[in-house]
């Protein structure tokens, strides 16, 4: 049976998570000017800054739902998908996968 699904160029670009690069972060160094499409949590982690590309995505600047703050912890093993341009960890370890948007 043929697969009749069609994908936009953005979806195809983002399917190859990490093909544009990945960022490993286990400290509190600010990372900016990136196009991050997924964040995988290696350890329980919290953000000081998580900057969404638009208000359609979660982040510390608000957007959909409540703003994330450093008291919000993401558990090890979890992966979130979206569009972010910058982050600073308050604690934990992550791999941030770059894509295009």
PDB file of N, CA and C in Angstrom:
ATOM      1  N   UNK A   1       0.843  -1.171   0.000  1.00  0.00           N
ATOM      2  CA  UNK A   1       0.000   0.000   0.000  1.00  0.00           C
ATOM      3  C   UNK A   1       0.891   1.239   0.000  1.00  0.00           C
ATOM      4  N   UNK A   2       0.607   2.140  -0.880  1.00  0.00           N
ATOM      5  CA  UNK A   2       1.410   3.358  -1.026  1.00  0.00           C
ATOM      6  C   UNK A   2       1.166   4.306   0.139  1.00  0.00           C
ATOM      7  N   UNK A   3       2.195   5.028   0.493  1.00  0.00           N
ATOM      8  CA  UNK A   3       2.097   6.041   1.537  1.00  0.00           C
ATOM      9  C   UNK A   3       1.754   7.365   0.865  1.00  0.00           C
ATOM     10  N   UNK A   4       0.527   7.835   1.056  1.00  0.00           N
ATOM     11  CA  UNK A   4       0.043   9.044   0.392  1.00  0.00           C
ATOM     12  C   UNK A   4       0.263  10.310   1.212  1.00  0.00           C
ATOM     13  N   UNK A   5       0.941  10.194   2.356  1.00  0.00           N
ATOM     14  CA  UNK A   5       1.162  11.378   3.181  1.00  0.00           C
ATOM     15  C   UNK A   5       2.084  12.341   2.463  1.00  0.00           C
ATOM     16  N   UNK A   6       1.822  13.630   2.660  1.00  0.00           N
ATOM     17  CA  UNK A   6       2.660  14.678   2.082  1.00  0.00           C
ATOM     18  C   UNK A   6       3.201  15.529   3.216  1.00  0.00           C
ATOM     19  N   UNK A   7       4.425  15.947   3.071  1.00  0.00           N
ATOM     20  CA  UNK A   7       5.071  16.729   4.106  1.00  0.00           C
ATOM     21  C   UNK A   7       5.527  18.060   3.534  1.00  0.00           C
ATOM     22  N   UNK A   8       5.404  19.104   4.346  1.00  0.00           N
ATOM     23  CA  UNK A   8       5.948  20.399   3.933  1.00  0.00           C
ATOM     24  C   UNK A   8       7.468  20.329   4.033  1.00  0.00           C
ATOM     25  N   UNK A   9       8.160  21.256   3.381  1.00  0.00           N
ATOM     26  CA  UNK A   9       9.623  21.251   3.441  1.00  0.00           C
ATOM     27  C   UNK A   9      10.109  21.440   4.871  1.00  0.00           C
ATOM     28  N   UNK A  10       9.369  22.203   5.685  1.00  0.00           N
ATOM     29  CA  UNK A  10       9.767  22.401   7.077  1.00  0.00           C
ATOM     30  C   UNK A  10       9.686  21.089   7.835  1.00  0.00           C
ATOM     31  N   UNK A  11       8.625  20.311   7.633  1.00  0.00           N
ATOM     32  CA  UNK A  11       8.498  19.034   8.320  1.00  0.00           C
ATOM     33  C   UNK A  11       9.624  18.096   7.915  1.00  0.00           C
ATOM     34  N   UNK A  12       9.970  18.059   6.648  1.00  0.00           N
ATOM     35  CA  UNK A  12      11.037  17.188   6.181  1.00  0.00           C
ATOM     36  C   UNK A  12      12.361  17.617   6.801  1.00  0.00           C
ATOM     37  N   UNK A  13      12.645  18.917   6.834  1.00  0.00           N
ATOM     38  CA  UNK A  13      13.874  19.415   7.444  1.00  0.00           C
ATOM     39  C   UNK A  13      13.947  19.018   8.916  1.00  0.00           C
ATOM     40  N   UNK A  14      12.845  19.135   9.626  1.00  0.00           N
ATOM     41  CA  UNK A  14      12.842  18.877  11.056  1.00  0.00           C
ATOM     42  C   UNK A  14      12.805  17.396  11.388  1.00  0.00           C
ATOM     43  N   UNK A  15      12.461  16.537  10.428  1.00  0.00           N
ATOM     44  CA  UNK A  15      12.466  15.103  10.689  1.00  0.00           C
ATOM     45  C   UNK A  15      13.872  14.598  10.964  1.00  0.00           C
ATOM     46  N   UNK A  16      14.859  15.198  10.357  1.00  0.00           N
ATOM     47  CA  UNK A  16      16.244  14.784  10.552  1.00  0.00           C
ATOM     48  C   UNK A  16      16.851  15.452  11.771  1.00  0.00           C
ATOM     49  N   UNK A  17      16.253  15.258  12.932  1.00  0.00           N
ATOM     50  CA  UNK A  17      16.739  15.916  14.143  1.00  0.00           C
ATOM     51  C   UNK A  17      18.221  15.661  14.319  1.00  0.00           C
ATOM     52  N   UNK A  18      18.961  16.707  14.547  1.00  0.00           N
ATOM     53  CA  UNK A  18      20.383  16.598  14.759  1.00  0.00           C
ATOM     54  C   UNK A  18      21.202  16.692  13.487  1.00  0.00           C
ATOM     55  N   UNK A  19      20.564  16.655  12.324  1.00  0.00           N
ATOM     56  CA  UNK A  19      21.322  16.735  11.086  1.00  0.00           C
ATOM     57  C   UNK A  19      21.908  18.126  10.883  1.00  0.00           C
ATOM     58  N   UNK A  20      21.364  19.120  11.557  1.00  0.00           N
ATOM     59  CA  UNK A  20      21.922  20.469  11.498  1.00  0.00           C
ATOM     60  C   UNK A  20      22.871  20.659  12.688  1.00  0.00           C
ATOM     61  N   UNK A  21      22.887  19.696  13.576  1.00  0.00           N
ATOM     62  CA  UNK A  21      23.771  19.734  14.737  1.00  0.00           C
ATOM     63  C   UNK A  21      23.018  19.489  16.024  1.00  0.00           C
ATOM     64  N   UNK A  22      23.747  19.200  17.055  1.00  0.00           N
ATOM     65  CA  UNK A  22      23.186  18.998  18.383  1.00  0.00           C
ATOM     66  C   UNK A  22      24.099  19.678  19.391  1.00  0.00           C
ATOM     67  N   UNK A  23      23.504  20.125  20.478  1.00  0.00           N
ATOM     68  CA  UNK A  23      24.239  20.838  21.517  1.00  0.00           C
ATOM     69  C   UNK A  23      24.094  20.062  22.812  1.00  0.00           C
ATOM     70  N   UNK A  24      25.210  19.666  23.405  1.00  0.00           N
ATOM     71  CA  UNK A  24      25.199  19.030  24.718  1.00  0.00           C
ATOM     72  C   UNK A  24      25.492  20.118  25.739  1.00  0.00           C
ATOM     73  N   UNK A  25      24.651  20.221  26.762  1.00  0.00           N
ATOM     74  CA  UNK A  25      24.860  21.249  27.789  1.00  0.00           C
ATOM     75  C   UNK A  25      24.615  20.650  29.165  1.00  0.00           C
ATOM     76  N   UNK A  26      25.612  20.783  30.045  1.00  0.00           N
ATOM     77  CA  UNK A  26      25.460  20.307  31.419  1.00  0.00           C
ATOM     78  C   UNK A  26      25.852  21.373  32.432  1.00  0.00           C
ATOM     79  N   UNK A  27      25.888  22.625  31.962  1.00  0.00           N
ATOM     80  CA  UNK A  27      26.212  23.748  32.845  1.00  0.00           C
ATOM     81  C   UNK A  27      25.192  24.853  32.688  1.00  0.00           C
ATOM     82  N   UNK A  28      25.571  26.036  33.094  1.00  0.00           N
ATOM     83  CA  UNK A  28      24.640  27.173  33.046  1.00  0.00           C
ATOM     84  C   UNK A  28      25.081  28.222  32.028  1.00  0.00           C
ATOM     85  N   UNK A  29      25.818  27.781  31.011  1.00  0.00           N
ATOM     86  CA  UNK A  29      26.240  28.678  29.939  1.00  0.00           C
ATOM     87  C   UNK A  29      25.040  29.037  29.061  1.00  0.00           C
ATOM     88  N   UNK A  30      24.850  30.319  28.780  1.00  0.00           N
ATOM     89  CA  UNK A  30      23.757  30.749  27.903  1.00  0.00           C
ATOM     90  C   UNK A  30      24.051  30.318  26.466  1.00  0.00           C
ATOM     91  N   UNK A  31      23.055  29.742  25.815  1.00  0.00           N
ATOM     92  CA  UNK A  31      23.154  29.350  24.407  1.00  0.00           C
ATOM     93  C   UNK A  31      22.130  30.187  23.655  1.00  0.00           C
ATOM     94  N   UNK A  32      22.566  30.896  22.591  1.00  0.00           N
ATOM     95  CA  UNK A  32      21.644  31.774  21.868  1.00  0.00           C
ATOM     96  C   UNK A  32      21.904  31.707  20.368  1.00  0.00           C
ATOM     97  N   UNK A  33      21.012  32.343  19.621  1.00  0.00           N
ATOM     98  CA  UNK A  33      21.097  32.416  18.158  1.00  0.00           C
ATOM     99  C   UNK A  33      21.111  31.036  17.507  1.00  0.00           C
ATOM    100  N   UNK A  34      20.254  30.141  17.996  1.00  0.00           N
ATOM    101  CA  UNK A  34      20.143  28.783  17.468  1.00  0.00           C
ATOM    102  C   UNK A  34      18.722  28.538  16.979  1.00  0.00           C
ATOM    103  N   UNK A  35      18.536  27.457  16.249  1.00  0.00           N
ATOM    104  CA  UNK A  35      17.208  26.985  15.840  1.00  0.00           C
ATOM    105  C   UNK A  35      17.056  25.576  16.394  1.00  0.00           C
ATOM    106  N   UNK A  36      16.501  25.498  17.590  1.00  0.00           N
ATOM    107  CA  UNK A  36      16.380  24.236  18.309  1.00  0.00           C
ATOM    108  C   UNK A  36      14.970  23.690  18.105  1.00  0.00           C
ATOM    109  N   UNK A  37      14.891  22.429  17.678  1.00  0.00           N
ATOM    110  CA  UNK A  37      13.587  21.828  17.377  1.00  0.00           C
ATOM    111  C   UNK A  37      13.189  20.718  18.355  1.00  0.00           C
ATOM    112  N   UNK A  38      14.130  20.270  19.169  1.00  0.00           N
ATOM    113  CA  UNK A  38      13.825  19.255  20.177  1.00  0.00           C
ATOM    114  C   UNK A  38      14.855  19.353  21.289  1.00  0.00           C
ATOM    115  N   UNK A  39      14.401  19.047  22.506  1.00  0.00           N
ATOM    116  CA  UNK A  39      15.295  19.031  23.664  1.00  0.00           C
ATOM    117  C   UNK A  39      15.084  17.722  24.391  1.00  0.00           C
ATOM    118  N   UNK A  40      16.162  16.959  24.529  1.00  0.00           N
ATOM    119  CA  UNK A  40      16.131  15.683  25.244  1.00  0.00           C
ATOM    120  C   UNK A  40      16.798  15.886  26.597  1.00  0.00           C
ATOM    121  N   UNK A  41      16.155  15.431  27.653  1.00  0.00           N
ATOM    122  CA  UNK A  41      16.661  15.627  29.009  1.00  0.00           C
ATOM    123  C   UNK A  41      17.430  14.384  29.445  1.00  0.00           C
ATOM    124  N   UNK A  42      18.731  14.557  29.659  1.00  0.00           N
ATOM    125  CA  UNK A  42      19.604  13.461  30.077  1.00  0.00           C
ATOM    126  C   UNK A  42      19.469  13.261  31.586  1.00  0.00           C
ATOM    127  N   UNK A  43      19.385  14.351  32.322  1.00  0.00           N
ATOM    128  CA  UNK A  43      19.122  14.366  33.767  1.00  0.00           C
ATOM    129  C   UNK A  43      17.909  15.243  34.012  1.00  0.00           C
ATOM    130  N   UNK A  44      17.301  15.128  35.194  1.00  0.00           N
ATOM    131  CA  UNK A  44      16.247  16.068  35.550  1.00  0.00           C
ATOM    132  C   UNK A  44      16.814  17.473  35.370  1.00  0.00           C
ATOM    133  N   UNK A  45      16.063  18.347  34.695  1.00  0.00           N
ATOM    134  CA  UNK A  45      16.605  19.656  34.313  1.00  0.00           C
ATOM    135  C   UNK A  45      15.576  20.756  34.487  1.00  0.00           C
ATOM    136  N   UNK A  46      16.085  21.970  34.695  1.00  0.00           N
ATOM    137  CA  UNK A  46      15.253  23.169  34.780  1.00  0.00           C
ATOM    138  C   UNK A  46      15.958  24.280  34.010  1.00  0.00           C
ATOM    139  N   UNK A  47      15.163  25.224  33.515  1.00  0.00           N
ATOM    140  CA  UNK A  47      15.694  26.338  32.732  1.00  0.00           C
ATOM    141  C   UNK A  47      15.625  27.646  33.501  1.00  0.00           C
ATOM    142  N   UNK A  48      16.636  28.470  33.331  1.00  0.00           N
ATOM    143  CA  UNK A  48      16.569  29.869  33.722  1.00  0.00           C
ATOM    144  C   UNK A  48      15.928  30.631  32.576  1.00  0.00           C
ATOM    145  N   UNK A  49      16.355  30.277  31.331  1.00  0.00           N
ATOM    146  CA  UNK A  49      15.821  30.890  30.118  1.00  0.00           C
ATOM    147  C   UNK A  49      15.516  29.803  29.099  1.00  0.00           C
ATOM    148  N   UNK A  50      14.353  29.863  28.493  1.00  0.00           N
ATOM    149  CA  UNK A  50      13.980  29.016  27.359  1.00  0.00           C
ATOM    150  C   UNK A  50      13.169  29.920  26.437  1.00  0.00           C
ATOM    151  N   UNK A  51      13.802  30.379  25.359  1.00  0.00           N
ATOM    152  CA  UNK A  51      13.209  31.402  24.502  1.00  0.00           C
ATOM    153  C   UNK A  51      12.540  30.776  23.282  1.00  0.00           C
ATOM    154  N   UNK A  52      11.192  30.836  23.219  1.00  0.00           N
ATOM    155  CA  UNK A  52      10.492  30.287  22.053  1.00  0.00           C
ATOM    156  C   UNK A  52      10.636  31.219  20.846  1.00  0.00           C
ATOM    157  N   UNK A  53      10.569  30.640  19.645  1.00  0.00           N
ATOM    158  CA  UNK A  53      10.679  31.465  18.431  1.00  0.00           C
ATOM    159  C   UNK A  53       9.455  32.355  18.250  1.00  0.00           C
ATOM    160  N   UNK A  54       8.296  31.888  18.700  1.00  0.00           N
ATOM    161  CA  UNK A  54       7.053  32.666  18.665  1.00  0.00           C
ATOM    162  C   UNK A  54       6.225  32.305  19.896  1.00  0.00           C
ATOM    163  N   UNK A  55       5.133  32.988  20.104  1.00  0.00           N
ATOM    164  CA  UNK A  55       4.274  32.704  21.259  1.00  0.00           C
ATOM    165  C   UNK A  55       3.495  31.399  21.095  1.00  0.00           C
ATOM    166  N   UNK A  56       3.687  30.693  19.971  1.00  0.00           N
ATOM    167  CA  UNK A  56       3.043  29.394  19.775  1.00  0.00           C
ATOM    168  C   UNK A  56       3.690  28.296  20.606  1.00  0.00           C
ATOM    169  N   UNK A  57       4.882  28.552  21.152  1.00  0.00           N
ATOM    170  CA  UNK A  57       5.650  27.523  21.837  1.00  0.00           C
ATOM    171  C   UNK A  57       5.884  27.892  23.290  1.00  0.00           C
ATOM    172  N   UNK A  58       6.093  26.882  24.123  1.00  0.00           N
ATOM    173  CA  UNK A  58       6.326  27.106  25.549  1.00  0.00           C
ATOM    174  C   UNK A  58       7.695  27.724  25.774  1.00  0.00           C
ATOM    175  N   UNK A  59       7.815  28.459  26.866  1.00  0.00           N
ATOM    176  CA  UNK A  59       9.103  29.047  27.204  1.00  0.00           C
ATOM    177  C   UNK A  59       9.006  29.940  28.411  1.00  0.00           C
ATOM    178  N   UNK A  60      10.139  30.503  28.804  1.00  0.00           N
ATOM    179  CA  UNK A  60      10.166  31.394  29.961  1.00  0.00           C
ATOM    180  C   UNK A  60       9.607  32.766  29.633  1.00  0.00           C
ATOM    181  N   UNK A  61       9.444  33.056  28.338  1.00  0.00           N
ATOM    182  CA  UNK A  61       8.868  34.332  27.915  1.00  0.00           C
ATOM    183  C   UNK A  61       7.349  34.242  27.779  1.00  0.00           C
ATOM    184  N   UNK A  62       6.760  33.137  28.213  1.00  0.00           N
ATOM    185  CA  UNK A  62       5.318  32.954  28.075  1.00  0.00           C
ATOM    186  C   UNK A  62       5.006  32.163  26.832  1.00  0.00           C
ATOM    187  N   UNK A  63       3.915  32.488  26.208  1.00  0.00           N
ATOM    188  CA  UNK A  63       3.495  31.726  25.038  1.00  0.00           C
ATOM    189  C   UNK A  63       2.318  30.859  25.410  1.00  0.00           C
ATOM    190  N   UNK A  64       2.238  29.691  24.826  1.00  0.00           N
ATOM    191  CA  UNK A  64       1.135  28.779  25.124  1.00  0.00           C
ATOM    192  C   UNK A  64       1.256  28.267  26.557  1.00  0.00           C
ATOM    193  N   UNK A  65       0.215  28.450  27.330  1.00  0.00           N
ATOM    194  CA  UNK A  65       0.217  28.019  28.724  1.00  0.00           C
ATOM    195  C   UNK A  65       0.973  28.997  29.600  1.00  0.00           C
ATOM    196  N   UNK A  66       1.278  28.557  30.798  1.00  0.00           N
ATOM    197  CA  UNK A  66       2.029  29.392  31.739  1.00  0.00           C
ATOM    198  C   UNK A  66       3.492  29.459  31.326  1.00  0.00           C
ATOM    199  N   UNK A  67       4.150  30.529  31.706  1.00  0.00           N
ATOM    200  CA  UNK A  67       5.590  30.652  31.458  1.00  0.00           C
ATOM    201  C   UNK A  67       6.340  29.632  32.315  1.00  0.00           C
ATOM    202  N   UNK A  68       7.411  29.086  31.756  1.00  0.00           N
ATOM    203  CA  UNK A  68       8.261  28.148  32.484  1.00  0.00           C
ATOM    204  C   UNK A  68       9.224  28.952  33.336  1.00  0.00           C
ATOM    205  N   UNK A  69       9.430  28.512  34.574  1.00  0.00           N
ATOM    206  CA  UNK A  69      10.445  29.161  35.412  1.00  0.00           C
ATOM    207  C   UNK A  69      11.360  28.087  35.988  1.00  0.00           C
ATOM    208  N   UNK A  70      12.351  28.495  36.748  1.00  0.00           N
ATOM    209  CA  UNK A  70      13.357  27.557  37.233  1.00  0.00           C
ATOM    210  C   UNK A  70      12.819  26.534  38.229  1.00  0.00           C
ATOM    211  N   UNK A  71      11.586  26.719  38.702  1.00  0.00           N
ATOM    212  CA  UNK A  71      10.995  25.716  39.596  1.00  0.00           C
ATOM    213  C   UNK A  71      10.308  24.587  38.817  1.00  0.00           C
ATOM    214  N   UNK A  72      10.192  24.731  37.490  1.00  0.00           N
ATOM    215  CA  UNK A  72       9.601  23.692  36.651  1.00  0.00           C
ATOM    216  C   UNK A  72      10.702  22.744  36.187  1.00  0.00           C
ATOM    217  N   UNK A  73      10.617  21.488  36.607  1.00  0.00           N
ATOM    218  CA  UNK A  73      11.641  20.504  36.277  1.00  0.00           C
ATOM    219  C   UNK A  73      11.127  19.536  35.221  1.00  0.00           C
ATOM    220  N   UNK A  74      11.983  19.236  34.248  1.00  0.00           N
ATOM    221  CA  UNK A  74      11.671  18.247  33.218  1.00  0.00           C
ATOM    222  C   UNK A  74      12.452  16.978  33.562  1.00  0.00           C
ATOM    223  N   UNK A  75      11.796  15.816  33.607  1.00  0.00           N
ATOM    224  CA  UNK A  75      12.473  14.595  34.053  1.00  0.00           C
ATOM    225  C   UNK A  75      13.426  14.004  33.013  1.00  0.00           C
ATOM    226  N   UNK A  76      14.434  13.309  33.508  1.00  0.00           N
ATOM    227  CA  UNK A  76      15.366  12.598  32.636  1.00  0.00           C
ATOM    228  C   UNK A  76      14.580  11.645  31.732  1.00  0.00           C
ATOM    229  N   UNK A  77      14.976  11.579  30.463  1.00  0.00           N
ATOM    230  CA  UNK A  77      14.321  10.692  29.499  1.00  0.00           C
ATOM    231  C   UNK A  77      13.241  11.362  28.681  1.00  0.00           C
ATOM    232  N   UNK A  78      12.762  12.501  29.113  1.00  0.00           N
ATOM    233  CA  UNK A  78      11.711  13.220  28.387  1.00  0.00           C
ATOM    234  C   UNK A  78      12.313  13.986  27.215  1.00  0.00           C
ATOM    235  N   UNK A  79      11.557  14.109  26.126  1.00  0.00           N
ATOM    236  CA  UNK A  79      11.940  14.947  24.989  1.00  0.00           C
ATOM    237  C   UNK A  79      10.776  15.869  24.685  1.00  0.00           C
ATOM    238  N   UNK A  80      11.055  17.162  24.510  1.00  0.00           N
ATOM    239  CA  UNK A  80      10.034  18.107  24.101  1.00  0.00           C
ATOM    240  C   UNK A  80      10.384  18.610  22.703  1.00  0.00           C
ATOM    241  N   UNK A  81       9.353  18.923  21.936  1.00  0.00           N
ATOM    242  CA  UNK A  81       9.512  19.387  20.558  1.00  0.00           C
ATOM    243  C   UNK A  81       8.917  20.782  20.433  1.00  0.00           C
ATOM    244  N   UNK A  82       9.530  21.613  19.632  1.00  0.00           N
ATOM    245  CA  UNK A  82       9.040  22.972  19.430  1.00  0.00           C
ATOM    246  C   UNK A  82      10.030  23.770  18.617  1.00  0.00           C
ATOM    247  N   UNK A  83      10.062  25.064  18.881  1.00  0.00           N
ATOM    248  CA  UNK A  83      10.990  25.958  18.196  1.00  0.00           C
ATOM    249  C   UNK A  83      11.511  26.970  19.207  1.00  0.00           C
ATOM    250  N   UNK A  84      12.807  26.852  19.506  1.00  0.00           N
ATOM    251  CA  UNK A  84      13.431  27.751  20.471  1.00  0.00           C
ATOM    252  C   UNK A  84      14.687  28.355  19.867  1.00  0.00           C
ATOM    253  N   UNK A  85      15.013  29.553  20.311  1.00  0.00           N
ATOM    254  CA  UNK A  85      16.196  30.244  19.790  1.00  0.00           C
ATOM    255  C   UNK A  85      17.303  30.395  20.825  1.00  0.00           C
ATOM    256  N   UNK A  86      17.006  30.174  22.089  1.00  0.00           N
ATOM    257  CA  UNK A  86      18.009  30.330  23.142  1.00  0.00           C
ATOM    258  C   UNK A  86      17.560  29.590  24.400  1.00  0.00           C
ATOM    259  N   UNK A  87      18.554  29.230  25.224  1.00  0.00           N
ATOM    260  CA  UNK A  87      18.239  28.645  26.523  1.00  0.00           C
ATOM    261  C   UNK A  87      19.417  28.826  27.461  1.00  0.00           C
ATOM    262  N   UNK A  88      19.112  28.790  28.747  1.00  0.00           N
ATOM    263  CA  UNK A  88      20.114  28.717  29.800  1.00  0.00           C
ATOM    264  C   UNK A  88      19.567  27.744  30.830  1.00  0.00           C
ATOM    265  N   UNK A  89      20.340  26.730  31.170  1.00  0.00           N
ATOM    266  CA  UNK A  89      19.906  25.785  32.197  1.00  0.00           C
ATOM    267  C   UNK A  89      20.121  26.371  33.589  1.00  0.00           C
ATOM    268  N   UNK A  90      19.177  26.089  34.473  1.00  0.00           N
ATOM    269  CA  UNK A  90      19.364  26.372  35.893  1.00  0.00           C
ATOM    270  C   UNK A  90      20.041  25.168  36.533  1.00  0.00           C
ATOM    271  N   UNK A  91      19.701  23.967  36.000  1.00  0.00           N
ATOM    272  CA  UNK A  91      20.300  22.724  36.491  1.00  0.00           C
ATOM    273  C   UNK A  91      20.018  21.623  35.478  1.00  0.00           C
ATOM    274  N   UNK A  92      20.803  20.553  35.566  1.00  0.00           N
ATOM    275  CA  UNK A  92      20.549  19.388  34.730  1.00  0.00           C
ATOM    276  C   UNK A  92      21.481  19.255  33.546  1.00  0.00           C
ATOM    277  N   UNK A  93      21.105  18.337  32.653  1.00  0.00           N
ATOM    278  CA  UNK A  93      21.883  18.031  31.452  1.00  0.00           C
ATOM    279  C   UNK A  93      20.920  17.766  30.310  1.00  0.00           C
ATOM    280  N   UNK A  94      21.169  18.384  29.153  1.00  0.00           N
ATOM    281  CA  UNK A  94      20.296  18.200  27.986  1.00  0.00           C
ATOM    282  C   UNK A  94      21.105  18.016  26.714  1.00  0.00           C
ATOM    283  N   UNK A  95      20.414  17.505  25.704  1.00  0.00           N
ATOM    284  CA  UNK A  95      20.898  17.540  24.327  1.00  0.00           C
ATOM    285  C   UNK A  95      19.835  18.323  23.555  1.00  0.00           C
ATOM    286  N   UNK A  96      20.257  19.420  22.935  1.00  0.00           N
ATOM    287  CA  UNK A  96      19.353  20.267  22.152  1.00  0.00           C
ATOM    288  C   UNK A  96      19.619  20.005  20.668  1.00  0.00           C
ATOM    289  N   UNK A  97      18.604  19.555  19.941  1.00  0.00           N
ATOM    290  CA  UNK A  97      18.751  19.208  18.536  1.00  0.00           C
ATOM    291  C   UNK A  97      18.359  20.409  17.670  1.00  0.00           C
ATOM    292  N   UNK A  98      19.233  20.736  16.721  1.00  0.00           N
ATOM    293  CA  UNK A  98      18.999  21.869  15.853  1.00  0.00           C
ATOM    294  C   UNK A  98      18.298  21.422  14.571  1.00  0.00           C
ATOM    295  N   UNK A  99      17.444  22.280  14.039  1.00  0.00           N
ATOM    296  CA  UNK A  99      16.725  22.032  12.810  1.00  0.00           C
ATOM    297  C   UNK A  99      16.561  23.340  12.078  1.00  0.00           C
ATOM    298  N   UNK A 100      15.492  23.436  11.316  1.00  0.00           N
ATOM    299  CA  UNK A 100      15.237  24.685  10.625  1.00  0.00           C
ATOM    300  C   UNK A 100      13.775  25.073  10.810  1.00  0.00           C
ATOM    301  N   UNK A 101      13.542  26.352  10.921  1.00  0.00           N
ATOM    302  CA  UNK A 101      12.180  26.896  10.989  1.00  0.00           C
ATOM    303  C   UNK A 101      12.207  28.315  10.508  1.00  0.00           C
TER     304      UNK A 101
END
